[in-house]
Every structure is written in C-alpha cells, then in structure tokens.
Amino acid sequence: MWLRYDLSAGLSVFLIALPLCLGIALASGAPLYAGLMSGIIGGILVAPLSASPLAVSGPAAGLTTVVASAILSLGNYQVFLLAVIIAGAFQVLLGLLKWGGIANYFPSAVIKGMLAAIGIMLIIKQVPLVLGSTSSLVITLFSLLLLILLRQPFAHKLNFIPAPLLVVGLGILGSFFTTTRLVTIPAHLFSNISFPAFGRLFSNQQIWKDGIVIGLLATLETLLCIEAIDKLDKHNRITPVNRELIAQGIGNIACGLLGAIPLTAVVVRGAANVDAGARTKMAAITHGVLLLLAIVGAPFVLNRIPYASLSAILLITGYNLTLPKLYKNMLSLGWKQFLPFILTIGMILTTDLLIGVSIGLLLSVYFIIQNNFRAEYRISKTVVKGIETELIKLNSNVTFLNKVKLKKALDVVPAHSILTIDGSNCNFIDYDILEIISEFEVKAKDRHITLYTVGIEKVNVTAIH
C-alpha cells in the first residue's frame, strides 16, 4: 500500500540529491564521482541497514570544510580515503558501545532552530538560480503555483500524481521551448575511481586525526538529523540511534573503499523525503537506485531537467521548515525557549551548522543551570510549635550548582534566630550541599542560631590545608 508513496518520494529526493551530490563534491575539492558514489552508497547500503524509515544519507554540506581541509593537509585523495575508512570504523565503535544517546541531550528549541535555519538556507540558495533568467523565473513561479495548488483540499483527486514529479515532468517539457539552465551530468564519471592507499595507513598521524574528526562531525550531524526527522514523522516512529551509527559507519567504510566522500544522514533530503510523502525506507533505497541508474543509463533525460523546477521543490521544502507560525509558537513558550531557537538560526546562517547548534546548546544549558540555581530550594518564615522560625525547604534535586547561593542564604540568617532546613522532599542532595550544611551547623552555635534539619544526612567535614 505504501510502495506508491515511497517510489514517488524516492524519485523526488533523487532529483534533489543529484545536483547536491555534485555540488558538495565540487565544494569539498573532491572528484565529482565521489559525491555521486556517496549518494548511491547512502541509498543502496546505508538505508537497508538503518532502522530509520525516513532518513536519507549522502554527502553533507556541513562536512565540506573539514573534508576540503583534510584532502589539502594529507596532500593526496587516496590517502584521504583512509581517513574516511577510519571515520566509519569510529562510528561503528560508537554504535557498538551504545553511545548514540547523546542525541537525547539536544533541546527541542535547538533542533527546531536547526531545521528553520536549513529552511532559510534552502530558500536563499535558490534565489540566484530563480533570478538567473526570465525563463527560469517563469518556470519557478509556475512550478510554485502548481505545488501550492496541489496541496489545497479541492485538488485531493489529483493526489495520485506526486506534485514534485508533475513539476519536474512539466519542467522537462518546458525546457524544449525555453533557454533556461538545465542539469548537466558530466560524462565518464566512473572512469577514474580512486582507491585508498593502504600502504600509507601508518605513515602519517594526521590521517588518524582527520578520521576521528570526520567521524565525530558525521556522527553529530547524523544524530541531529535523526532527531529532527523523527520530529517530522507523522507516524511518531523513533529511530534506534545506536543501530543508525553502525549503519552510517559501515556506509562510510564503503565510501572510503570506493573512492567516495563521507556521508551522513542529511536533513535537507530527509525533510524533502517526508514532504514528498515517504512512508518507509524504500524511498531512500529508491533514491540510491535511481542515482545509479541515472549515471549509468539515462543521463540524456536528466540533462533536460531545468534547475528552476528543482528550485521550486526546494523553495517549498525550505518554507515548510521555517513556517512563520513556528516563530510565533516558539515565542509563546517564553524567552528561554525562543532565545536558543533564534540564536541557533542566526549562528548557523552566519557560521555553519555545527557551530550554530553548539552555541544554541550552550545557551540552553545556561538557562538550565539558571533554573537549577533558582528552583531547588525556597526560603520562607513559618511557625513551628508556636515559635517563628526561618525555613529553607529543599526541593527534588539539589546539586553543587546551588552551593554558592545556599551558602549566601545561610550567611544572612540572623543571629539568635531559629532555622529549619527541610530536605524531606529531596530525591538527591549533593555531598557539597551536605558539607555546607554541616559546616553551618558548627558556625550556628557561635551565632546562637538554633538549627533543625529534617531528612538531611550529617557528614564529617574534613578541613583542607
């Protein structure tokens, strides 16, 4: 039942992935076939091994800088392929050690900010193509109008025709009557495939360093992508991340062996996959098979596809990732959600994805720490057995992060007063907090403060000399 949706979605993703594979290879300073081979491996090998029903793997724009730097520093593409193999082995190891759970520590605001930033970048990058000529502008506007109309309720009878497929088909027809820029598939892509120089594996430590760096970055991008794509899944399926890391690692080992640049799960392709109506991993596999068939058997058909048609598909995909209502919803959640969200967007747009996500994550952690400072105890006055007493009531978890503020609160307790510290509701009290309370118990006698503790363990305080 779902095969029809998956085949059409696979075709849509293939049409988007084809120019991206070539462009990322070019930006990375690698042979063009290396980008296409990476996309083929992502579809034919990684997708069957993965448990993600919607993620699509291939060369990632976020890795272009580190890949270009590694190729340059190692001085030889065949040597660089060794680093790709090491990166893949490193990812397999992370998966076997079950370290994929790091994705769960990325706040929702940061993930949504990453998706929105990618949507904005998609839109911005299409502008030069759309405005390149009058014919490109006309084809893009017509395609956009068609894509929008086909989403309306009155067009539900046409749902059997995938909108992106219809747009591309009409674009091919239009290409015979206009002078718009067309997709160009270079000839003889696979005639000079490079293979890794295994004899150099232990000749240069930089190979191993670059391999680990590529492995770490590819892992982070993949985990972020999986987290993001799972959020887009209308069926609320959750991807087992450790298995995904193993699948990605095997894929990157294959990339190194077959002369391809490293791959990751890619948000742009995954989002386009969801947007095109994909249901299962068959869509990603279809995209990989079509990449292979296109390069081998039908370059003349692909060479009739206008870039403007692909731009229209990407514009809609980008818009869906950065809808105006998303900003309104994030703002309604408060500044502690909105600021990491908007900062992540801004930093990704001005730097790159990894830096932007890292800075957004740091701001989210800051707010978490700030909340922890404020939330883990309350100071009030109460009456116990007819006597007014100062009350410090500790909440669920009190950690060393509350140490400074608690110490200041104890320092200002008036002399000759009564103080009760109540920890009966605590699940966890850090040793540092227990030590502060024990130290205060000694000082309280000198200040004639009567101290009562409830549910708090006494510890021996050892002086540090």
Protein backbone atom coordinates (compact mmCIF):
# COMPACT_ATOMS: atom_id res chain seq x y z
CA MET A 1 0.00 0.00 0.00
CA TRP A 2 2.83 2.39 0.84
CA LEU A 3 5.03 1.42 -2.11
CA ARG A 4 3.42 4.01 -4.41
CA TYR A 5 4.24 6.81 -1.96
CA ASP A 6 7.78 5.56 -1.39
CA LEU A 7 8.60 5.24 -5.08
CA SER A 8 7.38 8.76 -5.85
CA ALA A 9 9.15 10.18 -2.79
CA GLY A 10 12.34 8.37 -3.77
CA LEU A 11 12.13 9.98 -7.21
CA SER A 12 11.64 13.43 -5.68
CA VAL A 13 14.60 13.00 -3.32
CA PHE A 14 16.71 11.65 -6.18
CA LEU A 15 16.01 14.77 -8.23
CA ILE A 16 17.11 16.95 -5.31
CA ALA A 17 20.08 14.77 -4.33
CA LEU A 18 21.62 14.57 -7.80
CA PRO A 19 22.78 18.21 -8.10
CA LEU A 20 23.59 18.31 -4.37
CA CYS A 21 25.92 15.31 -4.68
CA LEU A 22 27.80 17.01 -7.50
CA GLY A 23 27.88 20.40 -5.79
CA ILE A 24 29.13 19.09 -2.44
CA ALA A 25 31.87 17.08 -4.13
CA LEU A 26 32.96 20.19 -6.00
CA ALA A 27 32.91 22.30 -2.81
CA SER A 28 34.93 19.64 -0.99
CA GLY A 29 37.70 19.64 -3.58
CA ALA A 30 36.95 16.00 -4.42
CA PRO A 31 36.28 14.32 -7.79
CA LEU A 32 32.66 14.74 -8.91
CA TYR A 33 32.05 10.99 -9.00
CA ALA A 34 32.90 10.92 -5.26
CA GLY A 35 29.74 12.85 -4.42
CA LEU A 36 27.52 10.69 -6.61
CA MET A 37 29.07 7.49 -5.24
CA SER A 38 28.42 8.75 -1.70
CA GLY A 39 24.74 9.27 -2.53
CA ILE A 40 24.48 5.82 -4.13
CA ILE A 41 26.04 4.15 -1.07
CA GLY A 42 23.73 6.14 1.21
CA GLY A 43 20.69 4.79 -0.60
CA ILE A 44 21.66 1.25 -1.54
CA LEU A 45 23.76 0.26 1.50
CA VAL A 46 23.02 2.55 4.46
CA ALA A 47 19.23 2.70 4.07
CA PRO A 48 18.69 -1.11 4.27
CA LEU A 49 20.99 -1.32 7.32
CA SER A 50 19.36 1.65 9.05
CA ALA A 51 16.23 1.42 11.17
CA SER A 52 15.15 4.94 10.24
CA PRO A 53 12.12 4.84 7.94
CA LEU A 54 12.58 8.38 6.59
CA ALA A 55 16.23 9.48 6.86
CA VAL A 56 18.22 9.78 3.64
CA SER A 57 22.02 9.58 3.67
CA GLY A 58 24.56 11.09 1.33
CA PRO A 59 27.29 13.73 1.15
CA ALA A 60 26.63 16.57 3.60
CA ALA A 61 27.24 20.28 3.11
CA GLY A 62 28.22 20.51 6.79
CA LEU A 63 31.30 18.37 6.15
CA THR A 64 32.63 20.25 3.11
CA THR A 65 35.03 22.42 5.11
CA VAL A 66 36.60 19.59 7.10
CA VAL A 67 36.78 17.32 4.02
CA ALA A 68 38.44 20.02 1.91
CA SER A 69 40.89 20.75 4.73
CA ALA A 70 41.72 17.05 5.18
CA ILE A 71 42.32 16.50 1.44
CA LEU A 72 44.60 19.54 1.40
CA SER A 73 46.54 18.63 4.55
CA LEU A 74 47.05 14.99 3.54
CA GLY A 75 48.07 16.07 0.05
CA ASN A 76 46.58 13.06 -1.70
CA TYR A 77 42.98 11.96 -2.27
CA GLN A 78 43.87 8.27 -1.98
CA VAL A 79 45.37 8.95 1.45
CA PHE A 80 42.29 10.96 2.43
CA LEU A 81 40.15 7.89 1.72
CA LEU A 82 41.95 6.14 4.58
CA ALA A 83 40.66 8.86 6.91
CA VAL A 84 37.13 8.19 5.64
CA ILE A 85 37.51 4.48 6.47
CA ILE A 86 38.79 5.37 9.95
CA ALA A 87 35.82 7.72 10.42
CA GLY A 88 33.45 4.89 9.53
CA ALA A 89 35.14 2.44 11.89
CA PHE A 90 34.95 5.05 14.66
CA GLN A 91 31.19 5.41 14.10
CA VAL A 92 30.69 1.64 14.21
CA LEU A 93 32.58 1.56 17.52
CA LEU A 94 30.38 4.34 18.96
CA GLY A 95 27.29 2.39 17.95
CA LEU A 96 28.55 -0.87 19.46
CA LEU A 97 29.37 0.98 22.70
CA LYS A 98 25.80 2.36 22.64
CA TRP A 99 26.89 5.99 22.77
CA GLY A 100 24.22 7.15 20.35
CA GLY A 101 22.08 8.50 23.18
CA ILE A 102 23.93 11.81 23.05
CA ALA A 103 21.19 12.97 20.66
CA ASN A 104 18.72 13.00 23.54
CA TYR A 105 20.65 15.82 25.19
CA PHE A 106 19.87 18.31 22.42
CA PRO A 107 16.97 20.59 23.45
CA SER A 108 13.91 20.85 21.24
CA ALA A 109 14.48 24.59 20.73
CA VAL A 110 17.91 23.92 19.22
CA ILE A 111 16.60 21.18 16.93
CA LYS A 112 13.77 23.41 15.70
CA GLY A 113 16.23 26.25 15.19
CA MET A 114 18.48 23.98 13.14
CA LEU A 115 15.56 22.95 10.92
CA ALA A 116 14.43 26.54 10.47
CA ALA A 117 17.96 27.68 9.57
CA ILE A 118 18.29 24.92 6.98
CA GLY A 119 14.95 26.00 5.54
CA ILE A 120 16.14 29.60 5.26
CA MET A 121 19.40 28.50 3.62
CA LEU A 122 17.47 26.41 1.13
CA ILE A 123 15.38 29.42 0.16
CA ILE A 124 18.33 31.82 -0.05
CA LYS A 125 20.41 29.46 -2.19
CA GLN A 126 17.63 29.18 -4.77
CA VAL A 127 17.37 32.93 -5.38
CA PRO A 128 20.33 33.21 -7.83
CA LEU A 129 19.00 30.26 -9.83
CA VAL A 130 15.47 31.63 -9.92
CA LEU A 131 16.55 35.13 -10.95
CA GLY A 132 19.20 33.94 -13.39
CA SER A 133 16.96 34.45 -16.40
CA THR A 134 13.40 35.32 -17.32
CA SER A 135 12.66 31.74 -18.36
CA SER A 136 13.96 30.39 -15.01
CA LEU A 137 11.76 32.86 -13.14
CA VAL A 138 8.70 31.88 -15.17
CA ILE A 139 9.28 28.12 -14.71
CA THR A 140 9.89 28.55 -10.97
CA LEU A 141 6.79 30.70 -10.41
CA PHE A 142 4.64 28.31 -12.44
CA SER A 143 6.05 25.32 -10.52
CA LEU A 144 5.49 27.03 -7.16
CA LEU A 145 1.91 27.87 -8.08
CA LEU A 146 1.33 24.26 -9.12
CA LEU A 147 2.87 22.88 -5.91
CA ILE A 148 0.72 25.20 -3.79
CA LEU A 149 -2.50 24.45 -5.67
CA LEU A 150 -1.95 20.69 -5.46
CA ARG A 151 -1.84 20.99 -1.66
CA GLN A 152 -5.30 22.56 -1.49
CA PRO A 153 -8.36 20.50 -0.48
CA PHE A 154 -10.03 20.93 -3.88
CA ALA A 155 -7.07 19.14 -5.54
CA HIS A 156 -7.30 15.95 -3.47
CA LYS A 157 -8.47 13.98 -6.52
CA LEU A 158 -5.05 14.57 -8.07
CA ASN A 159 -3.17 13.06 -5.11
CA PHE A 160 -2.29 10.02 -7.21
CA ILE A 161 0.18 12.25 -9.09
CA PRO A 162 3.12 13.29 -6.85
CA ALA A 163 3.36 17.08 -7.06
CA PRO A 164 7.19 17.17 -7.39
CA LEU A 165 7.02 14.57 -10.16
CA LEU A 166 4.43 16.62 -12.04
CA VAL A 167 6.54 19.76 -11.64
CA VAL A 168 9.67 18.04 -12.98
CA GLY A 169 7.76 16.46 -15.87
CA LEU A 170 6.30 19.79 -16.94
CA GLY A 171 9.73 21.37 -16.48
CA ILE A 172 11.26 18.87 -18.92
CA LEU A 173 8.55 19.72 -21.46
CA GLY A 174 9.15 23.42 -20.92
CA SER A 175 12.89 23.01 -21.45
CA PHE A 176 12.26 22.30 -25.15
CA PHE A 177 10.69 25.73 -25.59
CA THR A 178 12.97 27.90 -23.42
CA THR A 179 16.66 28.62 -22.91
CA THR A 180 16.66 28.02 -19.16
CA ARG A 181 19.66 26.44 -17.40
CA LEU A 182 19.49 22.65 -17.37
CA VAL A 183 21.00 19.97 -15.15
CA THR A 184 24.33 18.77 -16.56
CA ILE A 185 25.60 15.26 -15.88
CA PRO A 186 29.34 15.03 -16.64
CA ALA A 187 30.35 12.17 -18.92
CA HIS A 188 32.58 9.23 -17.88
CA LEU A 189 32.21 9.86 -14.14
CA PHE A 190 33.39 6.40 -13.12
CA SER A 191 36.36 6.03 -15.44
CA ASN A 192 38.93 7.17 -12.86
CA ILE A 193 37.72 5.87 -9.50
CA SER A 194 40.30 6.30 -6.72
CA PHE A 195 41.03 3.62 -4.15
CA PRO A 196 42.60 4.06 -0.70
CA ALA A 197 46.38 3.90 -0.36
CA PHE A 198 46.53 1.26 2.39
CA GLY A 199 50.33 1.29 2.30
CA ARG A 200 50.25 4.80 3.83
CA LEU A 201 47.91 3.92 6.72
CA PHE A 202 50.57 4.23 9.45
CA SER A 203 52.80 6.73 7.70
CA ASN A 204 51.08 9.87 8.96
CA GLN A 205 49.32 10.52 12.28
CA GLN A 206 47.25 13.22 10.59
CA ILE A 207 45.30 10.50 8.77
CA TRP A 208 44.03 9.18 12.10
CA LYS A 209 43.34 12.66 13.49
CA ASP A 210 41.35 13.65 10.42
CA GLY A 211 39.50 10.33 10.54
CA ILE A 212 38.40 10.87 14.14
CA VAL A 213 37.36 14.48 13.46
CA ILE A 214 35.34 13.47 10.40
CA GLY A 215 33.80 10.60 12.38
CA LEU A 216 32.78 12.91 15.24
CA LEU A 217 31.30 15.56 12.97
CA ALA A 218 29.50 13.00 10.81
CA THR A 219 28.12 11.37 13.97
CA LEU A 220 26.85 14.66 15.36
CA GLU A 221 25.25 15.66 12.06
CA THR A 222 23.62 12.25 11.73
CA LEU A 223 22.24 12.28 15.28
CA LEU A 224 20.91 15.80 14.83
CA CYS A 225 19.32 14.78 11.55
CA ILE A 226 17.73 11.65 13.01
CA GLU A 227 16.36 13.68 15.93
CA ALA A 228 14.96 16.25 13.50
CA ILE A 229 13.48 13.75 11.04
CA ASP A 230 11.85 11.77 13.87
CA LYS A 231 10.11 15.01 14.86
CA LEU A 232 8.77 15.35 11.30
CA ASP A 233 7.49 11.76 11.16
CA LYS A 234 3.68 11.84 11.17
CA HIS A 235 3.62 8.27 12.49
CA ASN A 236 5.80 9.19 15.52
CA ARG A 237 8.35 6.43 14.94
CA ILE A 238 11.60 6.57 16.91
CA THR A 239 14.91 5.60 15.29
CA PRO A 240 17.32 3.45 17.37
CA VAL A 241 20.36 5.70 17.22
CA ASN A 242 23.00 3.08 18.03
CA ARG A 243 21.94 0.97 15.07
CA GLU A 244 21.94 4.13 12.94
CA LEU A 245 25.55 4.88 13.91
CA ILE A 246 26.57 1.35 12.94
CA ALA A 247 24.79 1.70 9.58
CA GLN A 248 26.41 5.09 8.96
CA GLY A 249 29.81 3.71 9.94
CA ILE A 250 29.52 0.78 7.53
CA GLY A 251 28.44 3.25 4.86
CA ASN A 252 31.49 5.45 5.42
CA ILE A 253 33.82 2.45 5.36
CA ALA A 254 32.30 1.61 1.96
CA CYS A 255 32.76 5.25 0.88
CA GLY A 256 36.45 5.07 1.71
CA LEU A 257 36.87 1.78 -0.13
CA LEU A 258 35.06 3.02 -3.27
CA GLY A 259 36.56 6.49 -3.51
CA ALA A 260 33.57 8.45 -2.19
CA ILE A 261 33.45 11.42 0.18
CA PRO A 262 31.98 10.76 3.67
CA LEU A 263 28.23 10.63 4.13
CA THR A 264 25.79 11.45 6.90
CA ALA A 265 22.05 11.41 7.31
CA VAL A 266 21.08 14.73 5.70
CA VAL A 267 18.23 16.92 6.97
CA VAL A 268 17.56 18.51 3.57
CA ARG A 269 17.00 15.15 1.89
CA GLY A 270 15.14 13.68 4.85
CA ALA A 271 12.83 16.69 5.04
CA ALA A 272 12.23 16.52 1.28
CA ASN A 273 11.52 12.80 1.70
CA VAL A 274 8.89 13.48 4.36
CA ASP A 275 7.46 16.35 2.35
CA ALA A 276 7.10 14.11 -0.72
CA GLY A 277 5.02 11.61 1.26
CA ALA A 278 7.54 8.84 2.04
CA ARG A 279 6.35 6.09 4.38
CA THR A 280 9.27 3.65 4.70
CA LYS A 281 13.00 3.29 3.99
CA MET A 282 12.11 2.05 0.50
CA ALA A 283 12.05 5.72 -0.54
CA ALA A 284 15.71 6.19 0.43
CA ILE A 285 16.66 2.93 -1.30
CA THR A 286 14.78 4.05 -4.43
CA HIS A 287 16.70 7.32 -4.48
CA GLY A 288 20.00 5.39 -4.35
CA VAL A 289 18.99 3.00 -7.12
CA LEU A 290 17.85 5.90 -9.30
CA LEU A 291 21.16 7.69 -8.77
CA LEU A 292 22.97 4.59 -10.01
CA LEU A 293 20.64 4.05 -12.97
CA ALA A 294 20.73 7.69 -13.95
CA ILE A 295 24.51 7.80 -14.09
CA VAL A 296 24.76 4.53 -15.97
CA GLY A 297 21.77 4.59 -18.28
CA ALA A 298 19.83 7.81 -18.70
CA PRO A 299 21.95 10.96 -18.48
CA PHE A 300 20.25 12.40 -21.58
CA VAL A 301 16.86 12.54 -19.76
CA LEU A 302 18.34 14.15 -16.66
CA ASN A 303 20.06 16.73 -18.80
CA ARG A 304 16.61 18.07 -19.80
CA ILE A 305 15.55 18.89 -16.21
CA PRO A 306 15.55 22.66 -15.57
CA TYR A 307 17.28 23.81 -12.41
CA ALA A 308 14.26 26.08 -11.96
CA SER A 309 11.98 23.06 -11.41
CA LEU A 310 14.27 21.70 -8.70
CA SER A 311 14.49 25.18 -7.18
CA ALA A 312 10.71 25.31 -6.82
CA ILE A 313 10.71 21.96 -4.97
CA LEU A 314 13.47 23.18 -2.66
CA LEU A 315 11.71 26.50 -2.03
CA ILE A 316 8.60 24.70 -0.81
CA THR A 317 10.69 22.31 1.30
CA GLY A 318 12.57 25.23 2.82
CA TYR A 319 9.38 27.15 3.57
CA ASN A 320 7.88 24.13 5.32
CA LEU A 321 10.92 24.00 7.61
CA THR A 322 10.69 27.67 8.61
CA LEU A 323 6.97 28.41 8.71
CA PRO A 324 6.01 31.79 10.25
CA LYS A 325 3.81 30.03 12.81
CA LEU A 326 6.89 28.21 14.12
CA TYR A 327 8.38 31.52 15.27
CA LYS A 328 5.09 32.55 16.86
CA ASN A 329 4.81 29.24 18.71
CA MET A 330 8.40 29.39 19.99
CA LEU A 331 7.91 32.97 21.21
CA SER A 332 4.75 31.93 23.05
CA LEU A 333 6.80 29.38 25.02
CA GLY A 334 8.87 32.16 26.58
CA TRP A 335 12.30 33.69 26.12
CA LYS A 336 14.14 30.65 27.50
CA GLN A 337 12.86 28.64 24.54
CA PHE A 338 12.82 31.42 21.95
CA LEU A 339 16.35 32.77 22.52
CA PRO A 340 18.17 29.42 21.96
CA PHE A 341 15.90 28.85 18.95
CA ILE A 342 16.61 32.21 17.30
CA LEU A 343 20.32 32.22 18.27
CA THR A 344 20.75 28.78 16.70
CA ILE A 345 19.22 30.09 13.48
CA GLY A 346 21.39 33.21 13.44
CA MET A 347 24.65 31.40 14.17
CA ILE A 348 24.01 28.65 11.59
CA LEU A 349 23.31 31.28 8.95
CA THR A 350 26.44 33.29 9.79
CA THR A 351 28.86 30.40 10.56
CA ASP A 352 27.92 26.76 9.95
CA LEU A 353 25.58 24.11 11.27
CA LEU A 354 27.84 22.61 13.92
CA ILE A 355 28.91 25.96 15.40
CA GLY A 356 25.33 27.23 15.38
CA VAL A 357 23.96 24.15 17.12
CA SER A 358 26.80 24.20 19.67
CA ILE A 359 26.15 27.84 20.60
CA GLY A 360 22.40 27.26 20.80
CA LEU A 361 23.06 24.27 23.04
CA LEU A 362 25.32 26.33 25.31
CA LEU A 363 22.60 28.96 25.76
CA SER A 364 20.05 26.25 26.57
CA VAL A 365 22.44 24.76 29.14
CA TYR A 366 22.89 28.23 30.65
CA PHE A 367 19.13 28.54 31.14
CA ILE A 368 19.00 25.05 32.66
CA ILE A 369 21.73 25.98 35.14
CA GLN A 370 19.99 29.28 35.88
CA ASN A 371 16.73 27.45 36.60
CA ASN A 372 18.60 25.00 38.78
CA PHE A 373 20.01 27.85 40.85
CA ARG A 374 16.56 29.26 41.43
CA ALA A 375 14.39 26.21 41.75
CA GLU A 376 16.00 23.78 44.15
CA TYR A 377 15.17 25.48 47.45
CA ARG A 378 12.79 28.05 48.90
CA ILE A 379 13.35 30.41 51.83
CA SER A 380 10.41 31.49 53.98
CA LYS A 381 9.26 32.07 57.54
CA THR A 382 6.97 29.64 59.33
CA VAL A 383 5.73 28.85 62.81
CA VAL A 384 6.76 25.59 64.48
CA LYS A 385 5.21 24.81 67.88
CA GLY A 386 4.26 28.45 68.32
CA ILE A 387 7.78 29.71 67.60
CA GLU A 388 8.61 31.70 64.45
CA THR A 389 11.42 30.09 62.50
CA GLU A 390 13.33 30.65 59.28
CA LEU A 391 12.63 27.76 56.87
CA ILE A 392 14.79 26.61 53.97
CA LYS A 393 12.87 23.92 52.10
CA LEU A 394 14.94 21.91 49.63
CA ASN A 395 13.19 20.61 46.52
CA SER A 396 13.67 17.49 44.41
CA ASN A 397 17.37 17.56 43.45
CA VAL A 398 19.95 19.86 44.99
CA THR A 399 23.37 19.81 43.31
CA PHE A 400 26.69 21.59 43.66
CA LEU A 401 25.28 24.23 41.27
CA ASN A 402 23.21 25.51 44.22
CA LYS A 403 26.24 25.66 46.51
CA VAL A 404 27.09 29.36 46.23
CA LYS A 405 23.52 30.61 46.57
CA LEU A 406 22.74 28.35 49.53
CA LYS A 407 25.91 29.46 51.29
CA LYS A 408 24.93 33.12 50.85
CA ALA A 409 21.43 32.38 52.19
CA LEU A 410 22.89 30.73 55.30
CA ASP A 411 25.33 33.59 55.85
CA VAL A 412 22.50 36.13 56.21
CA VAL A 413 20.42 34.13 58.71
CA PRO A 414 20.02 36.50 61.70
CA ALA A 415 21.88 35.69 64.92
CA HIS A 416 19.77 34.42 67.85
CA SER A 417 17.19 33.01 65.43
CA ILE A 418 15.77 29.59 64.74
CA LEU A 419 16.41 27.90 61.37
CA THR A 420 14.91 24.73 59.93
CA ILE A 421 16.40 23.11 56.81
CA ASP A 422 13.89 20.64 55.38
CA GLY A 423 15.15 18.03 52.91
CA SER A 424 12.28 15.59 53.30
CA ASN A 425 11.12 16.09 49.69
CA CYS A 426 14.56 15.54 48.14
CA ASN A 427 15.41 12.67 45.84
CA PHE A 428 19.06 13.69 45.77
CA ILE A 429 21.25 16.05 47.79
CA ASP A 430 24.80 16.53 46.52
CA TYR A 431 27.63 15.89 49.00
CA ASP A 432 28.77 19.51 48.54
CA ILE A 433 25.39 20.70 49.86
CA LEU A 434 25.54 18.32 52.83
CA GLU A 435 29.02 19.63 53.60
CA ILE A 436 27.82 23.26 53.52
CA ILE A 437 25.01 22.41 55.95
CA SER A 438 27.38 20.54 58.29
CA GLU A 439 29.81 23.48 58.26
CA PHE A 440 26.96 25.87 59.03
CA GLU A 441 25.87 23.70 61.95
CA VAL A 442 29.24 24.44 63.60
CA LYS A 443 29.04 28.17 62.83
CA ALA A 444 25.41 28.37 64.01
CA LYS A 445 26.43 27.65 67.60
CA ASP A 446 28.78 30.63 67.61
CA ARG A 447 26.00 32.86 66.23
CA HIS A 448 23.44 31.46 68.71
CA ILE A 449 21.30 30.09 65.92
CA THR A 450 19.17 27.09 66.77
CA LEU A 451 19.33 24.72 63.78
CA TYR A 452 16.92 21.91 62.99
CA THR A 453 17.37 19.59 60.00
CA VAL A 454 14.77 17.26 58.51
CA GLY A 455 15.69 14.46 56.12
CA ILE A 456 19.31 15.58 55.80
CA GLU A 457 22.27 13.27 56.32
CA LYS A 458 25.08 14.50 58.54
CA VAL A 459 28.59 14.29 57.09
CA ASN A 460 32.05 14.72 58.55
CA VAL A 461 33.69 17.89 57.33
CA THR A 462 37.40 17.49 56.58
CA ALA A 463 39.44 20.66 56.59
CA ILE A 464 41.67 21.28 53.57
CA HIS A 465 45.16 22.55 54.39
